[in-house]
Amino acid sequence: MKFEKDDWVRSARVGAKASFIGQVKEVLDGDEYVVRDDDRKRWLRKGSELTKANPKADNDNERADQRARMQHWRL
């Protein structure tokens, strides 16, 4: 078990699945986790798709990245 309940994690972008920061809400058999994001949506992710995260700093960085991408598209 790589992560425990209530750990903050960052998911990797996998195919069409977007990257996000969330909190582990449930640990399933094997290496699968139920993670809740900022919008309170629940996602099923494998341990290999997750890394530890600092929720405050990572969310701020994520928002800055999103703003930078939006600025790029406005040009």
N, C-alpha and C. Protein backbone atom coordinates (compact mmCIF):
# COMPACT_ATOMS: atom_id res chain seq x y z
N MET A 1 0.85 -1.17 0.00
CA MET A 1 0.00 0.00 0.00
C MET A 1 0.90 1.24 0.00
N LYS A 2 0.81 2.00 -1.06
CA LYS A 2 1.66 3.15 -1.26
C LYS A 2 1.12 4.39 -0.54
N PHE A 3 -0.20 4.56 -0.53
CA PHE A 3 -0.83 5.72 0.08
C PHE A 3 -1.85 5.27 1.12
N GLU A 4 -2.15 6.15 2.04
CA GLU A 4 -3.12 5.85 3.09
C GLU A 4 -4.31 6.79 2.95
N LYS A 5 -5.39 6.44 3.62
CA LYS A 5 -6.58 7.28 3.60
C LYS A 5 -6.23 8.68 4.10
N ASP A 6 -6.77 9.70 3.44
CA ASP A 6 -6.57 11.13 3.73
C ASP A 6 -5.24 11.69 3.25
N ASP A 7 -4.40 10.89 2.58
CA ASP A 7 -3.19 11.44 1.95
C ASP A 7 -3.58 12.30 0.77
N TRP A 8 -2.82 13.36 0.52
CA TRP A 8 -3.03 14.20 -0.66
C TRP A 8 -2.14 13.69 -1.77
N VAL A 9 -2.71 13.53 -2.96
CA VAL A 9 -1.98 12.97 -4.09
C VAL A 9 -2.23 13.79 -5.36
N ARG A 10 -1.30 13.68 -6.28
CA ARG A 10 -1.44 14.27 -7.62
C ARG A 10 -1.53 13.11 -8.59
N SER A 11 -2.55 13.14 -9.43
CA SER A 11 -2.68 12.08 -10.42
C SER A 11 -1.92 12.49 -11.68
N ALA A 12 -1.37 11.51 -12.34
CA ALA A 12 -0.70 11.75 -13.62
C ALA A 12 -1.76 11.81 -14.71
N ARG A 13 -1.46 12.53 -15.76
CA ARG A 13 -2.35 12.52 -16.92
C ARG A 13 -2.14 11.20 -17.64
N VAL A 14 -3.22 10.44 -17.82
CA VAL A 14 -3.14 9.14 -18.48
C VAL A 14 -4.17 9.13 -19.60
N GLY A 15 -3.71 9.14 -20.84
CA GLY A 15 -4.64 9.17 -21.98
C GLY A 15 -5.55 10.37 -21.90
N ALA A 16 -6.85 10.13 -21.89
CA ALA A 16 -7.82 11.22 -21.84
C ALA A 16 -8.10 11.67 -20.41
N LYS A 17 -7.58 10.95 -19.42
CA LYS A 17 -7.80 11.32 -18.02
C LYS A 17 -6.95 12.54 -17.67
N ALA A 18 -7.57 13.57 -17.15
CA ALA A 18 -6.85 14.79 -16.79
C ALA A 18 -6.08 14.60 -15.48
N SER A 19 -5.04 15.41 -15.29
CA SER A 19 -4.30 15.43 -14.04
C SER A 19 -5.06 16.28 -13.03
N PHE A 20 -5.00 15.90 -11.76
CA PHE A 20 -5.65 16.68 -10.72
C PHE A 20 -5.00 16.37 -9.38
N ILE A 21 -5.31 17.20 -8.39
CA ILE A 21 -4.84 16.99 -7.02
C ILE A 21 -6.06 16.63 -6.18
N GLY A 22 -5.94 15.59 -5.38
CA GLY A 22 -7.07 15.18 -4.57
C GLY A 22 -6.63 14.45 -3.31
N GLN A 23 -7.61 14.03 -2.55
CA GLN A 23 -7.37 13.35 -1.29
C GLN A 23 -7.86 11.91 -1.38
N VAL A 24 -7.03 10.98 -0.93
CA VAL A 24 -7.41 9.57 -0.93
C VAL A 24 -8.55 9.37 0.06
N LYS A 25 -9.66 8.83 -0.42
CA LYS A 25 -10.82 8.61 0.43
C LYS A 25 -11.03 7.14 0.76
N GLU A 26 -10.50 6.27 -0.09
CA GLU A 26 -10.69 4.84 0.14
C GLU A 26 -9.54 4.08 -0.52
N VAL A 27 -9.04 3.07 0.16
CA VAL A 27 -8.00 2.20 -0.38
C VAL A 27 -8.66 0.87 -0.70
N LEU A 28 -8.58 0.46 -1.97
CA LEU A 28 -9.20 -0.79 -2.41
C LEU A 28 -8.17 -1.91 -2.43
N ASP A 29 -8.62 -3.12 -2.67
CA ASP A 29 -7.71 -4.27 -2.76
C ASP A 29 -6.67 -4.01 -3.84
N GLY A 30 -5.48 -4.45 -3.58
CA GLY A 30 -4.42 -4.25 -4.55
C GLY A 30 -3.86 -2.85 -4.46
N ASP A 31 -3.66 -2.24 -5.59
CA ASP A 31 -3.02 -0.93 -5.66
C ASP A 31 -3.96 0.09 -6.30
N GLU A 32 -5.23 0.12 -5.87
CA GLU A 32 -6.21 1.07 -6.41
C GLU A 32 -6.75 1.95 -5.29
N TYR A 33 -7.02 3.21 -5.65
CA TYR A 33 -7.44 4.20 -4.67
C TYR A 33 -8.63 4.99 -5.20
N VAL A 34 -9.54 5.36 -4.30
CA VAL A 34 -10.62 6.28 -4.63
C VAL A 34 -10.15 7.65 -4.15
N VAL A 35 -10.05 8.60 -5.09
CA VAL A 35 -9.52 9.93 -4.79
C VAL A 35 -10.59 10.97 -5.07
N ARG A 36 -10.77 11.92 -4.15
CA ARG A 36 -11.76 12.99 -4.34
C ARG A 36 -11.01 14.27 -4.71
N ASP A 37 -11.46 14.93 -5.78
CA ASP A 37 -10.82 16.17 -6.23
C ASP A 37 -11.52 17.39 -5.62
N ASP A 38 -11.09 18.60 -6.04
CA ASP A 38 -11.65 19.86 -5.52
C ASP A 38 -13.14 20.00 -5.80
N ASP A 39 -13.61 19.41 -6.89
CA ASP A 39 -15.04 19.50 -7.24
C ASP A 39 -15.86 18.42 -6.54
N ARG A 40 -15.22 17.70 -5.63
CA ARG A 40 -15.84 16.63 -4.85
C ARG A 40 -16.25 15.44 -5.72
N LYS A 41 -15.65 15.34 -6.90
CA LYS A 41 -15.86 14.16 -7.74
C LYS A 41 -14.92 13.07 -7.24
N ARG A 42 -15.36 11.84 -7.34
CA ARG A 42 -14.52 10.71 -6.93
C ARG A 42 -13.98 10.00 -8.16
N TRP A 43 -12.70 9.66 -8.09
CA TRP A 43 -12.02 9.02 -9.20
C TRP A 43 -11.32 7.76 -8.71
N LEU A 44 -11.31 6.73 -9.54
CA LEU A 44 -10.58 5.51 -9.25
C LEU A 44 -9.24 5.59 -9.97
N ARG A 45 -8.15 5.48 -9.22
CA ARG A 45 -6.82 5.56 -9.81
C ARG A 45 -5.93 4.44 -9.28
N LYS A 46 -5.02 3.98 -10.13
CA LYS A 46 -4.01 3.00 -9.72
C LYS A 46 -2.88 3.74 -9.01
N GLY A 47 -2.19 3.04 -8.13
CA GLY A 47 -1.08 3.64 -7.40
C GLY A 47 0.01 4.17 -8.32
N SER A 48 0.22 3.52 -9.46
CA SER A 48 1.25 3.96 -10.41
C SER A 48 0.91 5.30 -11.06
N GLU A 49 -0.35 5.73 -10.98
CA GLU A 49 -0.78 7.00 -11.57
C GLU A 49 -0.73 8.14 -10.55
N LEU A 50 -0.32 7.85 -9.30
CA LEU A 50 -0.38 8.84 -8.24
C LEU A 50 0.99 9.13 -7.65
N THR A 51 1.19 10.38 -7.20
CA THR A 51 2.37 10.78 -6.43
C THR A 51 1.90 11.61 -5.25
N LYS A 52 2.73 11.68 -4.21
CA LYS A 52 2.39 12.51 -3.03
C LYS A 52 2.29 13.96 -3.46
N ALA A 53 1.42 14.72 -2.79
CA ALA A 53 1.22 16.12 -3.14
C ALA A 53 1.08 16.96 -1.89
N ASN A 54 1.49 18.22 -2.01
CA ASN A 54 1.23 19.23 -0.99
C ASN A 54 0.02 19.99 -1.51
N PRO A 55 -1.15 19.84 -0.90
CA PRO A 55 -2.38 20.37 -1.50
C PRO A 55 -2.36 21.87 -1.76
N LYS A 56 -1.85 22.67 -0.85
CA LYS A 56 -1.87 24.12 -1.02
C LYS A 56 -0.91 24.55 -2.13
N ALA A 57 0.34 24.15 -2.03
CA ALA A 57 1.35 24.56 -3.01
C ALA A 57 1.03 24.00 -4.39
N ASP A 58 0.66 22.72 -4.48
CA ASP A 58 0.39 22.10 -5.77
C ASP A 58 -0.85 22.71 -6.43
N ASN A 59 -1.89 23.00 -5.66
CA ASN A 59 -3.08 23.62 -6.24
C ASN A 59 -2.76 25.01 -6.77
N ASP A 60 -1.94 25.79 -6.04
CA ASP A 60 -1.55 27.11 -6.51
C ASP A 60 -0.75 27.00 -7.81
N ASN A 61 0.17 26.04 -7.87
CA ASN A 61 0.96 25.84 -9.09
C ASN A 61 0.08 25.39 -10.24
N GLU A 62 -0.88 24.53 -9.96
CA GLU A 62 -1.80 24.04 -11.00
C GLU A 62 -2.61 25.21 -11.57
N ARG A 63 -3.10 26.07 -10.70
CA ARG A 63 -3.87 27.23 -11.17
C ARG A 63 -3.00 28.16 -12.00
N ALA A 64 -1.75 28.37 -11.59
CA ALA A 64 -0.84 29.22 -12.35
C ALA A 64 -0.59 28.62 -13.74
N ASP A 65 -0.43 27.30 -13.80
CA ASP A 65 -0.24 26.63 -15.09
C ASP A 65 -1.47 26.79 -15.98
N GLN A 66 -2.66 26.67 -15.39
CA GLN A 66 -3.89 26.83 -16.16
C GLN A 66 -4.01 28.26 -16.69
N ARG A 67 -3.66 29.25 -15.86
CA ARG A 67 -3.71 30.65 -16.31
C ARG A 67 -2.74 30.87 -17.46
N ALA A 68 -1.55 30.30 -17.37
CA ALA A 68 -0.55 30.45 -18.43
C ALA A 68 -1.05 29.83 -19.73
N ARG A 69 -1.69 28.66 -19.64
CA ARG A 69 -2.23 28.03 -20.85
C ARG A 69 -3.34 28.87 -21.46
N MET A 70 -4.19 29.45 -20.62
CA MET A 70 -5.28 30.30 -21.12
C MET A 70 -4.72 31.54 -21.80
N GLN A 71 -3.68 32.14 -21.23
CA GLN A 71 -3.06 33.32 -21.83
C GLN A 71 -2.52 32.96 -23.22
N HIS A 72 -1.92 31.78 -23.33
CA HIS A 72 -1.36 31.34 -24.61
C HIS A 72 -2.46 31.26 -25.68
N TRP A 73 -3.62 30.75 -25.32
CA TRP A 73 -4.70 30.60 -26.28
C TRP A 73 -5.35 31.92 -26.64
N ARG A 74 -5.23 32.92 -25.80
CA ARG A 74 -5.83 34.23 -26.08
C ARG A 74 -5.02 35.02 -27.10
N LEU A 75 -3.74 34.70 -27.23
CA LEU A 75 -2.88 35.45 -28.16
C LEU A 75 -3.24 35.21 -29.60
